[in-house]
Amino acid sequence: MKKIHIIALSMILVLAYNCKDGKKTEKEGKDATDQPVEKIVEEVNVEVIKFSMQPKSDSNVQGEVVFTEENGMVMMKATLSGLSAGEHAIHIHEKADCSSDDGKSSGGHWNPTHEPHGKWGAAEGYHKGDIGNFTADTEGNAIVEFSTDQWCIGCDDANKNILGKAVIVHQGVDDFTSQPSGAAGARVSCTGIIE
């Protein structure tokens, strides 16, 4: 009978010890989860500038251009109306000056690297302002979207900074070969990209 009591007492002590140890582990786990969690937040700088297009050369072409810079990429979205149906060229020109009636006050294509005019990305060379052609629908509306890491908004790199330039829409199509501008015809809309 004594042996049974000793065995029973031993089992009670083992159970009591295990319960105590379990509570300790539970408490340690609770303490671990109560610790503050450090959150890593990545800061993303987004720069957005928006401008209205002004009709030039007796046209009715107007609209809005939005430039957005995020993570080293600049996205351009131009929403245009008043165009003739079909293809037209769009470029960035060297001066944010739309004061003349024909838009020529904006100068030539923006070309800080002194390359020949061409299609964007061409191995033979192209201007930083050589965006290319787009198509207006039968009602004269168009949306042009373009993005590149070769532009920036307000950075210190003169070869990339688009501030102080102009967006020009042309009546005709850029042939990508005629120098220095692709023979795209009259400048029918202009906006200056200024701070």
C-alpha atoms as a PDB file:
ATOM      1  CA  MET A   1       0.000   0.000   0.000  1.00  0.00           C
ATOM      2  CA  LYS A   2       2.910   2.285   0.763  1.00  0.00           C
ATOM      3  CA  LYS A   3       4.284   1.689  -2.737  1.00  0.00           C
ATOM      4  CA  ILE A   4       1.025   2.791  -4.326  1.00  0.00           C
ATOM      5  CA  HIS A   5       1.045   6.032  -2.294  1.00  0.00           C
ATOM      6  CA  ILE A   6       4.662   6.722  -3.251  1.00  0.00           C
ATOM      7  CA  ILE A   7       3.951   6.081  -6.935  1.00  0.00           C
ATOM      8  CA  ALA A   8       0.813   8.256  -6.815  1.00  0.00           C
ATOM      9  CA  LEU A   9       2.725  11.029  -5.014  1.00  0.00           C
ATOM     10  CA  SER A  10       5.531  10.809  -7.577  1.00  0.00           C
ATOM     11  CA  MET A  11       3.050  11.126 -10.431  1.00  0.00           C
ATOM     12  CA  ILE A  12       1.437  14.162  -8.817  1.00  0.00           C
ATOM     13  CA  LEU A  13       4.834  15.849  -8.446  1.00  0.00           C
ATOM     14  CA  VAL A  14       5.755  15.101 -12.085  1.00  0.00           C
ATOM     15  CA  LEU A  15       2.427  16.501 -13.286  1.00  0.00           C
ATOM     16  CA  ALA A  16       2.767  19.570 -11.115  1.00  0.00           C
ATOM     17  CA  TYR A  17       6.281  20.202 -12.419  1.00  0.00           C
ATOM     18  CA  ASN A  18       5.164  19.777 -16.060  1.00  0.00           C
ATOM     19  CA  CYS A  19       2.255  22.168 -15.548  1.00  0.00           C
ATOM     20  CA  LYS A  20       4.553  24.747 -13.990  1.00  0.00           C
ATOM     21  CA  ASP A  21       7.021  24.314 -16.861  1.00  0.00           C
ATOM     22  CA  GLY A  22       4.175  24.628 -19.384  1.00  0.00           C
ATOM     23  CA  LYS A  23       3.016  27.882 -17.797  1.00  0.00           C
ATOM     24  CA  LYS A  24       6.579  29.174 -17.906  1.00  0.00           C
ATOM     25  CA  THR A  25       6.859  28.343 -21.617  1.00  0.00           C
ATOM     26  CA  GLU A  26       3.457  29.907 -22.245  1.00  0.00           C
ATOM     27  CA  LYS A  27       4.547  33.010 -20.337  1.00  0.00           C
ATOM     28  CA  GLU A  28       7.833  33.176 -22.260  1.00  0.00           C
ATOM     29  CA  GLY A  29       5.903  32.851 -25.523  1.00  0.00           C
ATOM     30  CA  LYS A  30       3.512  35.554 -24.407  1.00  0.00           C
ATOM     31  CA  ASP A  31       6.413  37.848 -23.540  1.00  0.00           C
ATOM     32  CA  ALA A  32       7.922  37.203 -26.971  1.00  0.00           C
ATOM     33  CA  THR A  33       4.713  38.151 -28.761  1.00  0.00           C
ATOM     34  CA  ASP A  34       4.246  41.200 -26.568  1.00  0.00           C
ATOM     35  CA  GLN A  35       7.535  42.628 -27.861  1.00  0.00           C
ATOM     36  CA  PRO A  36       7.053  45.555 -30.256  1.00  0.00           C
ATOM     37  CA  VAL A  37       7.470  44.553 -33.901  1.00  0.00           C
ATOM     38  CA  GLU A  38       9.659  46.845 -35.952  1.00  0.00           C
ATOM     39  CA  LYS A  39       8.002  47.670 -39.253  1.00  0.00           C
ATOM     40  CA  ILE A  40      10.141  48.588 -42.215  1.00  0.00           C
ATOM     41  CA  VAL A  41       8.456  51.229 -44.315  1.00  0.00           C
ATOM     42  CA  GLU A  42       9.989  52.055 -47.662  1.00  0.00           C
ATOM     43  CA  GLU A  43       9.690  55.729 -48.526  1.00  0.00           C
ATOM     44  CA  VAL A  44       8.647  56.319 -52.114  1.00  0.00           C
ATOM     45  CA  ASN A  45       8.914  59.809 -53.548  1.00  0.00           C
ATOM     46  CA  VAL A  46       6.354  60.557 -56.222  1.00  0.00           C
ATOM     47  CA  GLU A  47       6.606  63.802 -58.172  1.00  0.00           C
ATOM     48  CA  VAL A  48       3.640  64.896 -60.304  1.00  0.00           C
ATOM     49  CA  ILE A  49       3.384  67.931 -62.572  1.00  0.00           C
ATOM     50  CA  LYS A  50       0.423  68.820 -64.793  1.00  0.00           C
ATOM     51  CA  PHE A  51       0.105  71.337 -67.634  1.00  0.00           C
ATOM     52  CA  SER A  52      -2.522  72.476 -70.129  1.00  0.00           C
ATOM     53  CA  MET A  53      -1.765  72.370 -73.854  1.00  0.00           C
ATOM     54  CA  GLN A  54      -2.355  75.598 -75.790  1.00  0.00           C
ATOM     55  CA  PRO A  55      -3.526  75.633 -79.430  1.00  0.00           C
ATOM     56  CA  LYS A  56      -0.935  76.950 -81.919  1.00  0.00           C
ATOM     57  CA  SER A  57      -0.761  77.625 -85.671  1.00  0.00           C
ATOM     58  CA  ASP A  58      -4.510  78.445 -85.854  1.00  0.00           C
ATOM     59  CA  SER A  59      -5.469  74.974 -84.607  1.00  0.00           C
ATOM     60  CA  ASN A  60      -7.950  73.877 -81.949  1.00  0.00           C
ATOM     61  CA  VAL A  61      -5.619  71.303 -80.409  1.00  0.00           C
ATOM     62  CA  GLN A  62      -5.688  71.439 -76.652  1.00  0.00           C
ATOM     63  CA  GLY A  63      -5.499  69.094 -73.713  1.00  0.00           C
ATOM     64  CA  GLU A  64      -3.491  68.225 -70.662  1.00  0.00           C
ATOM     65  CA  VAL A  65      -0.091  66.646 -70.039  1.00  0.00           C
ATOM     66  CA  VAL A  66       0.769  64.943 -66.750  1.00  0.00           C
ATOM     67  CA  PHE A  67       4.291  63.831 -65.823  1.00  0.00           C
ATOM     68  CA  THR A  68       4.712  61.466 -62.883  1.00  0.00           C
ATOM     69  CA  GLU A  69       8.081  60.371 -61.521  1.00  0.00           C
ATOM     70  CA  GLU A  70       8.259  57.326 -59.279  1.00  0.00           C
ATOM     71  CA  ASN A  71      11.172  55.000 -58.478  1.00  0.00           C
ATOM     72  CA  GLY A  72      13.404  56.517 -61.166  1.00  0.00           C
ATOM     73  CA  MET A  73      10.810  56.289 -63.959  1.00  0.00           C
ATOM     74  CA  VAL A  74       8.982  59.238 -65.511  1.00  0.00           C
ATOM     75  CA  MET A  75       5.571  58.553 -67.036  1.00  0.00           C
ATOM     76  CA  MET A  76       3.975  61.033 -69.427  1.00  0.00           C
ATOM     77  CA  LYS A  77       0.270  60.990 -70.200  1.00  0.00           C
ATOM     78  CA  ALA A  78      -1.085  63.489 -72.717  1.00  0.00           C
ATOM     79  CA  THR A  79      -4.846  63.725 -73.237  1.00  0.00           C
ATOM     80  CA  LEU A  80      -5.547  65.684 -76.419  1.00  0.00           C
ATOM     81  CA  SER A  81      -8.537  66.912 -78.422  1.00  0.00           C
ATOM     82  CA  GLY A  82      -9.128  69.025 -81.534  1.00  0.00           C
ATOM     83  CA  LEU A  83      -6.743  67.018 -83.730  1.00  0.00           C
ATOM     84  CA  SER A  84      -7.362  65.864 -87.280  1.00  0.00           C
ATOM     85  CA  ALA A  85      -7.953  62.113 -87.386  1.00  0.00           C
ATOM     86  CA  GLY A  86      -4.832  60.032 -87.980  1.00  0.00           C
ATOM     87  CA  GLU A  87      -1.170  60.133 -86.988  1.00  0.00           C
ATOM     88  CA  HIS A  88       0.682  63.041 -85.404  1.00  0.00           C
ATOM     89  CA  ALA A  89       4.086  63.518 -83.805  1.00  0.00           C
ATOM     90  CA  ILE A  90       4.780  64.596 -80.233  1.00  0.00           C
ATOM     91  CA  HIS A  91       8.156  65.772 -78.933  1.00  0.00           C
ATOM     92  CA  ILE A  92       9.797  67.555 -76.045  1.00  0.00           C
ATOM     93  CA  HIS A  93      11.395  70.803 -77.220  1.00  0.00           C
ATOM     94  CA  GLU A  94      14.282  72.675 -75.630  1.00  0.00           C
ATOM     95  CA  LYS A  95      12.538  75.784 -74.198  1.00  0.00           C
ATOM     96  CA  ALA A  96       9.443  76.174 -71.999  1.00  0.00           C
ATOM     97  CA  ASP A  97       8.281  79.050 -74.191  1.00  0.00           C
ATOM     98  CA  CYS A  98       4.933  78.815 -75.980  1.00  0.00           C
ATOM     99  CA  SER A  99       4.590  82.563 -76.557  1.00  0.00           C
ATOM    100  CA  SER A 100       4.730  82.574 -80.363  1.00  0.00           C
ATOM    101  CA  ASP A 101       1.612  81.852 -82.432  1.00  0.00           C
ATOM    102  CA  ASP A 102       3.380  79.058 -84.311  1.00  0.00           C
ATOM    103  CA  GLY A 103       5.022  77.468 -81.239  1.00  0.00           C
ATOM    104  CA  LYS A 104       8.510  78.001 -82.660  1.00  0.00           C
ATOM    105  CA  SER A 105       9.512  79.988 -79.565  1.00  0.00           C
ATOM    106  CA  SER A 106      10.020  76.565 -77.905  1.00  0.00           C
ATOM    107  CA  GLY A 107      13.113  75.967 -80.070  1.00  0.00           C
ATOM    108  CA  GLY A 108      14.162  72.649 -81.533  1.00  0.00           C
ATOM    109  CA  HIS A 109      13.896  69.175 -80.066  1.00  0.00           C
ATOM    110  CA  TRP A 110      15.431  68.735 -76.642  1.00  0.00           C
ATOM    111  CA  ASN A 111      18.771  67.096 -77.456  1.00  0.00           C
ATOM    112  CA  PRO A 112      21.212  67.463 -74.546  1.00  0.00           C
ATOM    113  CA  THR A 113      23.413  64.586 -75.747  1.00  0.00           C
ATOM    114  CA  HIS A 114      23.790  66.040 -79.295  1.00  0.00           C
ATOM    115  CA  GLU A 115      22.534  62.950 -81.109  1.00  0.00           C
ATOM    116  CA  PRO A 116      20.910  62.842 -84.566  1.00  0.00           C
ATOM    117  CA  HIS A 117      17.110  62.830 -84.685  1.00  0.00           C
ATOM    118  CA  GLY A 118      15.597  59.346 -84.785  1.00  0.00           C
ATOM    119  CA  LYS A 119      13.128  56.881 -83.356  1.00  0.00           C
ATOM    120  CA  TRP A 120      13.280  56.507 -79.553  1.00  0.00           C
ATOM    121  CA  GLY A 121      15.866  53.854 -78.665  1.00  0.00           C
ATOM    122  CA  ALA A 122      17.428  53.654 -82.157  1.00  0.00           C
ATOM    123  CA  ALA A 123      21.056  52.474 -82.190  1.00  0.00           C
ATOM    124  CA  GLU A 124      21.917  55.277 -84.639  1.00  0.00           C
ATOM    125  CA  GLY A 125      20.852  57.837 -82.028  1.00  0.00           C
ATOM    126  CA  TYR A 126      17.833  59.886 -81.020  1.00  0.00           C
ATOM    127  CA  HIS A 127      17.003  63.037 -79.118  1.00  0.00           C
ATOM    128  CA  LYS A 128      15.844  62.848 -75.483  1.00  0.00           C
ATOM    129  CA  GLY A 129      12.756  64.660 -76.776  1.00  0.00           C
ATOM    130  CA  ASP A 130      11.987  62.208 -79.618  1.00  0.00           C
ATOM    131  CA  ILE A 131       8.817  60.660 -78.196  1.00  0.00           C
ATOM    132  CA  GLY A 132       7.363  59.612 -81.559  1.00  0.00           C
ATOM    133  CA  ASN A 133       3.958  59.305 -83.216  1.00  0.00           C
ATOM    134  CA  PHE A 134       0.443  58.639 -81.968  1.00  0.00           C
ATOM    135  CA  THR A 135      -2.981  58.263 -83.601  1.00  0.00           C
ATOM    136  CA  ALA A 136      -6.001  60.500 -83.055  1.00  0.00           C
ATOM    137  CA  ASP A 137      -9.433  58.904 -83.442  1.00  0.00           C
ATOM    138  CA  THR A 138     -12.117  60.058 -85.905  1.00  0.00           C
ATOM    139  CA  GLU A 139     -13.299  62.672 -83.393  1.00  0.00           C
ATOM    140  CA  GLY A 140      -9.798  64.142 -83.046  1.00  0.00           C
ATOM    141  CA  ASN A 141      -9.100  62.758 -79.567  1.00  0.00           C
ATOM    142  CA  ALA A 142      -5.986  60.919 -78.431  1.00  0.00           C
ATOM    143  CA  ILE A 143      -4.238  59.695 -75.325  1.00  0.00           C
ATOM    144  CA  VAL A 144      -0.458  59.397 -75.484  1.00  0.00           C
ATOM    145  CA  GLU A 145       1.381  57.432 -72.800  1.00  0.00           C
ATOM    146  CA  PHE A 146       5.147  57.168 -72.603  1.00  0.00           C
ATOM    147  CA  SER A 147       7.577  56.213 -69.853  1.00  0.00           C
ATOM    148  CA  THR A 148      11.344  56.217 -69.497  1.00  0.00           C
ATOM    149  CA  ASP A 149      14.162  56.226 -66.970  1.00  0.00           C
ATOM    150  CA  GLN A 150      16.027  58.706 -69.204  1.00  0.00           C
ATOM    151  CA  TRP A 151      14.033  61.658 -67.854  1.00  0.00           C
ATOM    152  CA  CYS A 152      13.659  63.139 -64.383  1.00  0.00           C
ATOM    153  CA  ILE A 153      11.629  65.956 -62.869  1.00  0.00           C
ATOM    154  CA  GLY A 154      13.878  68.595 -61.324  1.00  0.00           C
ATOM    155  CA  CYS A 155      17.010  66.478 -60.784  1.00  0.00           C
ATOM    156  CA  ASP A 156      20.548  67.858 -61.125  1.00  0.00           C
ATOM    157  CA  ASP A 157      21.285  65.950 -64.350  1.00  0.00           C
ATOM    158  CA  ALA A 158      20.885  68.344 -67.315  1.00  0.00           C
ATOM    159  CA  ASN A 159      20.767  65.335 -69.657  1.00  0.00           C
ATOM    160  CA  LYS A 160      17.613  64.048 -67.936  1.00  0.00           C
ATOM    161  CA  ASN A 161      15.798  67.007 -66.340  1.00  0.00           C
ATOM    162  CA  ILE A 162      12.604  67.862 -68.263  1.00  0.00           C
ATOM    163  CA  LEU A 163      11.857  71.077 -66.336  1.00  0.00           C
ATOM    164  CA  GLY A 164      12.278  74.170 -68.482  1.00  0.00           C
ATOM    165  CA  LYS A 165      11.280  72.292 -71.653  1.00  0.00           C
ATOM    166  CA  ALA A 166       8.073  72.248 -73.765  1.00  0.00           C
ATOM    167  CA  VAL A 167       5.792  69.542 -75.122  1.00  0.00           C
ATOM    168  CA  ILE A 168       4.899  70.101 -78.769  1.00  0.00           C
ATOM    169  CA  VAL A 169       2.254  68.291 -80.821  1.00  0.00           C
ATOM    170  CA  HIS A 170       2.791  68.438 -84.588  1.00  0.00           C
ATOM    171  CA  GLN A 171       0.244  68.391 -87.390  1.00  0.00           C
ATOM    172  CA  GLY A 172       2.158  65.727 -89.316  1.00  0.00           C
ATOM    173  CA  VAL A 173       3.973  62.462 -88.731  1.00  0.00           C
ATOM    174  CA  ASP A 174       7.590  62.085 -87.640  1.00  0.00           C
ATOM    175  CA  ASP A 175       9.462  60.146 -90.359  1.00  0.00           C
ATOM    176  CA  PHE A 176      12.310  59.426 -87.870  1.00  0.00           C
ATOM    177  CA  THR A 177      14.973  60.173 -90.503  1.00  0.00           C
ATOM    178  CA  SER A 178      14.725  63.818 -91.648  1.00  0.00           C
ATOM    179  CA  GLN A 179      17.148  66.018 -89.729  1.00  0.00           C
ATOM    180  CA  PRO A 180      16.902  67.693 -87.361  1.00  0.00           C
ATOM    181  CA  SER A 181      13.194  67.163 -86.566  1.00  0.00           C
ATOM    182  CA  GLY A 182      11.563  64.371 -88.570  1.00  0.00           C
ATOM    183  CA  ALA A 183       9.628  66.685 -90.926  1.00  0.00           C
ATOM    184  CA  ALA A 184       6.555  66.521 -88.691  1.00  0.00           C
ATOM    185  CA  GLY A 185       5.049  69.775 -89.892  1.00  0.00           C
ATOM    186  CA  ALA A 186       3.370  72.658 -88.057  1.00  0.00           C
ATOM    187  CA  ARG A 187       3.342  72.887 -84.283  1.00  0.00           C
ATOM    188  CA  VAL A 188      -0.355  72.707 -83.421  1.00  0.00           C
ATOM    189  CA  SER A 189      -0.181  72.635 -79.620  1.00  0.00           C
ATOM    190  CA  CYS A 190       2.341  73.591 -76.952  1.00  0.00           C
ATOM    191  CA  THR A 191       2.830  73.533 -73.201  1.00  0.00           C
ATOM    192  CA  GLY A 192       5.828  74.712 -71.235  1.00  0.00           C
ATOM    193  CA  ILE A 193       7.119  72.383 -68.503  1.00  0.00           C
ATOM    194  CA  ILE A 194       8.001  74.797 -65.719  1.00  0.00           C
ATOM    195  CA  GLU A 195       8.197  74.430 -61.948  1.00  0.00           C
END
